[in-house]
PDB file of N, CA and C in Angstrom:
ATOM      1  N   UNK A   1      -6.296  -2.221  -4.185  1.00  0.00           N
ATOM      2  CA  UNK A   1      -7.228  -1.542  -3.965  1.00  0.00           C
ATOM      3  C   UNK A   1      -6.886  -0.003  -3.925  1.00  0.00           C
ATOM      4  N   UNK A   2      -7.858   0.372  -3.086  1.00  0.00           N
ATOM      5  CA  UNK A   2      -8.100   1.940  -3.156  1.00  0.00           C
ATOM      6  C   UNK A   2      -6.893   2.643  -2.738  1.00  0.00           C
ATOM      7  N   UNK A   3      -6.749   4.114  -3.077  1.00  0.00           N
ATOM      8  CA  UNK A   3      -5.737   4.610  -3.053  1.00  0.00           C
ATOM      9  C   UNK A   3      -6.978   4.990  -1.269  1.00  0.00           C
ATOM     10  N   UNK A   4      -6.460   5.413   0.185  1.00  0.00           N
ATOM     11  CA  UNK A   4      -6.663   5.500   1.446  1.00  0.00           C
ATOM     12  C   UNK A   4      -5.847   6.734   2.069  1.00  0.00           C
ATOM     13  N   UNK A   5      -6.721   7.304   2.883  1.00  0.00           N
ATOM     14  CA  UNK A   5      -6.116   8.595   3.132  1.00  0.00           C
ATOM     15  C   UNK A   5      -5.008   8.565   4.382  1.00  0.00           C
ATOM     16  N   UNK A   6      -5.830   6.772   5.348  1.00  0.00           N
ATOM     17  CA  UNK A   6      -4.577   6.280   6.107  1.00  0.00           C
ATOM     18  C   UNK A   6      -4.235   4.709   6.105  1.00  0.00           C
ATOM     19  N   UNK A   7      -3.699   3.935   6.555  1.00  0.00           N
ATOM     20  CA  UNK A   7      -2.911   2.573   6.811  1.00  0.00           C
ATOM     21  C   UNK A   7      -4.186   1.897   7.637  1.00  0.00           C
ATOM     22  N   UNK A   8      -4.076   2.746   8.356  1.00  0.00           N
ATOM     23  CA  UNK A   8      -5.450   2.303   9.209  1.00  0.00           C
ATOM     24  C   UNK A   8      -7.260   2.202   8.859  1.00  0.00           C
ATOM     25  N   UNK A   9      -6.816   3.211   7.646  1.00  0.00           N
ATOM     26  CA  UNK A   9      -8.880   2.649   7.261  1.00  0.00           C
ATOM     27  C   UNK A   9      -8.486   2.407   6.077  1.00  0.00           C
ATOM     28  N   UNK A  10      -7.243   1.391   5.522  1.00  0.00           N
ATOM     29  CA  UNK A  10      -7.193   0.941   4.201  1.00  0.00           C
ATOM     30  C   UNK A  10      -7.292  -0.893   5.541  1.00  0.00           C
ATOM     31  N   UNK A  11      -6.855  -0.691   6.418  1.00  0.00           N
ATOM     32  CA  UNK A  11      -6.232  -1.920   7.427  1.00  0.00           C
ATOM     33  C   UNK A  11      -8.585  -2.503   7.920  1.00  0.00           C
ATOM     34  N   UNK A  12      -9.056  -1.645   8.115  1.00  0.00           N
ATOM     35  CA  UNK A  12     -10.077  -1.994   8.239  1.00  0.00           C
ATOM     36  C   UNK A  12     -10.708  -2.196   7.576  1.00  0.00           C
ATOM     37  N   UNK A  13     -11.045  -1.315   5.984  1.00  0.00           N
ATOM     38  CA  UNK A  13     -11.428  -2.199   4.832  1.00  0.00           C
ATOM     39  C   UNK A  13     -11.209  -3.957   5.002  1.00  0.00           C
ATOM     40  N   UNK A  14     -10.141  -3.648   4.917  1.00  0.00           N
ATOM     41  CA  UNK A  14      -9.612  -5.441   4.559  1.00  0.00           C
ATOM     42  C   UNK A  14     -10.444  -6.205   5.635  1.00  0.00           C
ATOM     43  N   UNK A  15     -10.677  -5.440   6.628  1.00  0.00           N
ATOM     44  CA  UNK A  15     -11.168  -6.695   7.843  1.00  0.00           C
ATOM     45  C   UNK A  15     -12.149  -6.387   7.778  1.00  0.00           C
ATOM     46  N   UNK A  16     -12.698  -5.510   7.388  1.00  0.00           N
ATOM     47  CA  UNK A  16     -14.715  -5.241   6.879  1.00  0.00           C
ATOM     48  C   UNK A  16     -14.978  -6.840   5.715  1.00  0.00           C
ATOM     49  N   UNK A  17     -13.553  -7.148   4.718  1.00  0.00           N
ATOM     50  CA  UNK A  17     -14.369  -7.573   3.359  1.00  0.00           C
ATOM     51  C   UNK A  17     -14.023  -9.291   3.483  1.00  0.00           C
ATOM     52  N   UNK A  18     -12.953  -9.366   5.139  1.00  0.00           N
ATOM     53  CA  UNK A  18     -13.593 -10.467   5.806  1.00  0.00           C
ATOM     54  C   UNK A  18     -12.036 -11.509   5.589  1.00  0.00           C
ATOM     55  N   UNK A  19     -10.883 -10.237   5.602  1.00  0.00           N
ATOM     56  CA  UNK A  19      -9.465 -10.851   5.483  1.00  0.00           C
ATOM     57  C   UNK A  19      -8.694 -10.887   6.761  1.00  0.00           C
ATOM     58  N   UNK A  20      -7.704 -10.447   6.921  1.00  0.00           N
ATOM     59  CA  UNK A  20      -6.622 -10.944   7.903  1.00  0.00           C
ATOM     60  C   UNK A  20      -5.038 -10.555   7.468  1.00  0.00           C
ATOM     61  N   UNK A  21      -5.510  -8.821   7.856  1.00  0.00           N
ATOM     62  CA  UNK A  21      -3.421  -8.383   7.035  1.00  0.00           C
ATOM     63  C   UNK A  21      -2.919  -9.826   8.041  1.00  0.00           C
ATOM     64  N   UNK A  22      -1.727  -9.739   6.717  1.00  0.00           N
ATOM     65  CA  UNK A  22      -0.741 -10.828   7.506  1.00  0.00           C
ATOM     66  C   UNK A  22       0.577 -10.400   6.916  1.00  0.00           C
ATOM     67  N   UNK A  23       0.793  -9.748   6.322  1.00  0.00           N
ATOM     68  CA  UNK A  23       2.676  -8.957   5.688  1.00  0.00           C
ATOM     69  C   UNK A  23       2.259  -8.301   5.566  1.00  0.00           C
ATOM     70  N   UNK A  24       2.965  -6.822   5.331  1.00  0.00           N
ATOM     71  CA  UNK A  24       3.117  -5.476   4.394  1.00  0.00           C
ATOM     72  C   UNK A  24       4.137  -4.975   4.106  1.00  0.00           C
ATOM     73  N   UNK A  25       3.775  -5.101   3.178  1.00  0.00           N
ATOM     74  CA  UNK A  25       5.315  -4.717   1.914  1.00  0.00           C
ATOM     75  C   UNK A  25       5.685  -3.319   1.530  1.00  0.00           C
ATOM     76  N   UNK A  26       6.827  -2.238   1.632  1.00  0.00           N
ATOM     77  CA  UNK A  26       6.333  -1.064   1.495  1.00  0.00           C
ATOM     78  C   UNK A  26       7.841  -0.235   0.441  1.00  0.00           C
ATOM     79  N   UNK A  27       6.638   0.153  -0.884  1.00  0.00           N
ATOM     80  CA  UNK A  27       7.878   0.054  -2.194  1.00  0.00           C
ATOM     81  C   UNK A  27       8.023   1.088  -2.405  1.00  0.00           C
ATOM     82  N   UNK A  28       9.182   2.410  -2.902  1.00  0.00           N
ATOM     83  CA  UNK A  28       8.889   3.582  -3.289  1.00  0.00           C
ATOM     84  C   UNK A  28       8.375   3.583  -4.527  1.00  0.00           C
ATOM     85  N   UNK A  29       8.229   4.419  -4.839  1.00  0.00           N
ATOM     86  CA  UNK A  29       7.829   4.721  -6.335  1.00  0.00           C
ATOM     87  C   UNK A  29       8.396   6.165  -6.907  1.00  0.00           C
ATOM     88  N   UNK A  30       8.670   5.617  -7.480  1.00  0.00           N
ATOM     89  CA  UNK A  30      10.438   6.758  -8.359  1.00  0.00           C
ATOM     90  C   UNK A  30       9.577   7.835  -9.685  1.00  0.00           C
ATOM     91  N   UNK A  31      10.167   8.427 -10.192  1.00  0.00           N
ATOM     92  CA  UNK A  31       9.782   9.604 -10.564  1.00  0.00           C
ATOM     93  C   UNK A  31      10.390  10.458 -11.632  1.00  0.00           C
ATOM     94  N   UNK A  32      11.027  10.492 -12.867  1.00  0.00           N
ATOM     95  CA  UNK A  32      12.387  10.482 -13.180  1.00  0.00           C
ATOM     96  C   UNK A  32      12.136  11.771 -13.464  1.00  0.00           C
ATOM     97  N   UNK A  33      13.489  13.277 -13.309  1.00  0.00           N
ATOM     98  CA  UNK A  33      13.378  14.493 -13.425  1.00  0.00           C
ATOM     99  C   UNK A  33      13.890  14.535 -14.365  1.00  0.00           C
ATOM    100  N   UNK A  34      14.501  15.860 -15.265  1.00  0.00           N
ATOM    101  CA  UNK A  34      14.615  16.370 -16.908  1.00  0.00           C
ATOM    102  C   UNK A  34      16.110  15.669 -16.085  1.00  0.00           C
ATOM    103  N   UNK A  35      16.776  15.656 -15.662  1.00  0.00           N
ATOM    104  CA  UNK A  35      17.639  15.538 -15.783  1.00  0.00           C
ATOM    105  C   UNK A  35      18.331  14.026 -15.660  1.00  0.00           C
ATOM    106  N   UNK A  36      17.322  12.997 -15.409  1.00  0.00           N
ATOM    107  CA  UNK A  36      17.062  11.878 -16.041  1.00  0.00           C
ATOM    108  C   UNK A  36      17.642  11.053 -14.591  1.00  0.00           C
ATOM    109  N   UNK A  37      17.943  12.216 -13.571  1.00  0.00           N
ATOM    110  CA  UNK A  37      17.854  10.919 -12.028  1.00  0.00           C
ATOM    111  C   UNK A  37      16.574  11.075 -11.808  1.00  0.00           C
ATOM    112  N   UNK A  38      16.356   9.828 -11.683  1.00  0.00           N
ATOM    113  CA  UNK A  38      14.778   9.438 -10.773  1.00  0.00           C
ATOM    114  C   UNK A  38      14.777  10.203  -8.644  1.00  0.00           C
ATOM    115  N   UNK A  39      13.566  10.616  -8.871  1.00  0.00           N
ATOM    116  CA  UNK A  39      12.999  10.876  -7.377  1.00  0.00           C
ATOM    117  C   UNK A  39      12.420  10.506  -6.954  1.00  0.00           C
ATOM    118  N   UNK A  40      11.961  10.405  -5.573  1.00  0.00           N
ATOM    119  CA  UNK A  40      11.108   9.390  -5.090  1.00  0.00           C
ATOM    120  C   UNK A  40       9.779  10.241  -5.091  1.00  0.00           C
ATOM    121  N   UNK A  41       8.941  10.235  -5.161  1.00  0.00           N
ATOM    122  CA  UNK A  41       7.410  10.846  -5.576  1.00  0.00           C
ATOM    123  C   UNK A  41       6.447  10.377  -4.500  1.00  0.00           C
ATOM    124  N   UNK A  42       6.628   8.219  -4.107  1.00  0.00           N
ATOM    125  CA  UNK A  42       5.497   8.327  -2.684  1.00  0.00           C
ATOM    126  C   UNK A  42       5.726   7.054  -2.471  1.00  0.00           C
ATOM    127  N   UNK A  43       5.570   6.634  -1.669  1.00  0.00           N
ATOM    128  CA  UNK A  43       5.223   5.208  -0.735  1.00  0.00           C
ATOM    129  C   UNK A  43       4.076   4.330  -0.894  1.00  0.00           C
ATOM    130  N   UNK A  44       3.953   3.163  -2.057  1.00  0.00           N
ATOM    131  CA  UNK A  44       3.078   2.551  -1.879  1.00  0.00           C
ATOM    132  C   UNK A  44       3.502   1.219  -1.008  1.00  0.00           C
ATOM    133  N   UNK A  45       2.186   1.345  -0.617  1.00  0.00           N
ATOM    134  CA  UNK A  45       1.834  -0.401   1.094  1.00  0.00           C
ATOM    135  C   UNK A  45       1.694  -1.028  -0.042  1.00  0.00           C
ATOM    136  N   UNK A  46       1.903  -2.139   0.274  1.00  0.00           N
ATOM    137  CA  UNK A  46       1.278  -3.293  -0.222  1.00  0.00           C
ATOM    138  C   UNK A  46       0.989  -4.296   0.733  1.00  0.00           C
ATOM    139  N   UNK A  47      -0.766  -4.879   1.148  1.00  0.00           N
ATOM    140  CA  UNK A  47      -0.522  -5.506   1.976  1.00  0.00           C
ATOM    141  C   UNK A  47      -1.306  -7.420   1.636  1.00  0.00           C
ATOM    142  N   UNK A  48      -0.675  -8.363   2.319  1.00  0.00           N
ATOM    143  CA  UNK A  48      -0.767  -9.398   2.341  1.00  0.00           C
ATOM    144  C   UNK A  48      -1.727  -9.528   3.190  1.00  0.00           C
ATOM    145  N   UNK A  49      -3.050 -10.568   2.272  1.00  0.00           N
ATOM    146  CA  UNK A  49      -3.718 -10.651   3.955  1.00  0.00           C
ATOM    147  C   UNK A  49      -4.639 -12.395   3.083  1.00  0.00           C
ATOM    148  N   UNK A  50      -5.261 -13.139   4.438  1.00  0.00           N
ATOM    149  CA  UNK A  50      -5.872 -14.300   4.318  1.00  0.00           C
ATOM    150  C   UNK A  50      -6.975 -13.830   5.085  1.00  0.00           C
ATOM    151  N   UNK A  51      -7.814 -15.554   4.051  1.00  0.00           N
ATOM    152  CA  UNK A  51      -9.584 -15.089   4.260  1.00  0.00           C
ATOM    153  C   UNK A  51      -9.458 -15.975   5.941  1.00  0.00           C
ATOM    154  N   UNK A  52     -10.527 -14.979   6.091  1.00  0.00           N
ATOM    155  CA  UNK A  52     -10.646 -15.012   7.815  1.00  0.00           C
ATOM    156  C   UNK A  52     -11.887 -16.355   7.866  1.00  0.00           C
ATOM    157  N   UNK A  53     -12.177 -17.323   8.478  1.00  0.00           N
ATOM    158  CA  UNK A  53     -12.985 -18.486   8.323  1.00  0.00           C
ATOM    159  C   UNK A  53     -14.244 -18.307   9.233  1.00  0.00           C
TER     160      UNK A  53
END
């Protein structure tokens, strides 16, 4: 799915497409620094959704 400015905008799009979000996962995205240490850059949010009948 595309990047959204807010979680609510993403959930609204999921519902508009005929799905209902049932689970949400948050996963940190890291970038390796010059020193070799990983540094968190952003949070990736993944929704699991089911089709609404």
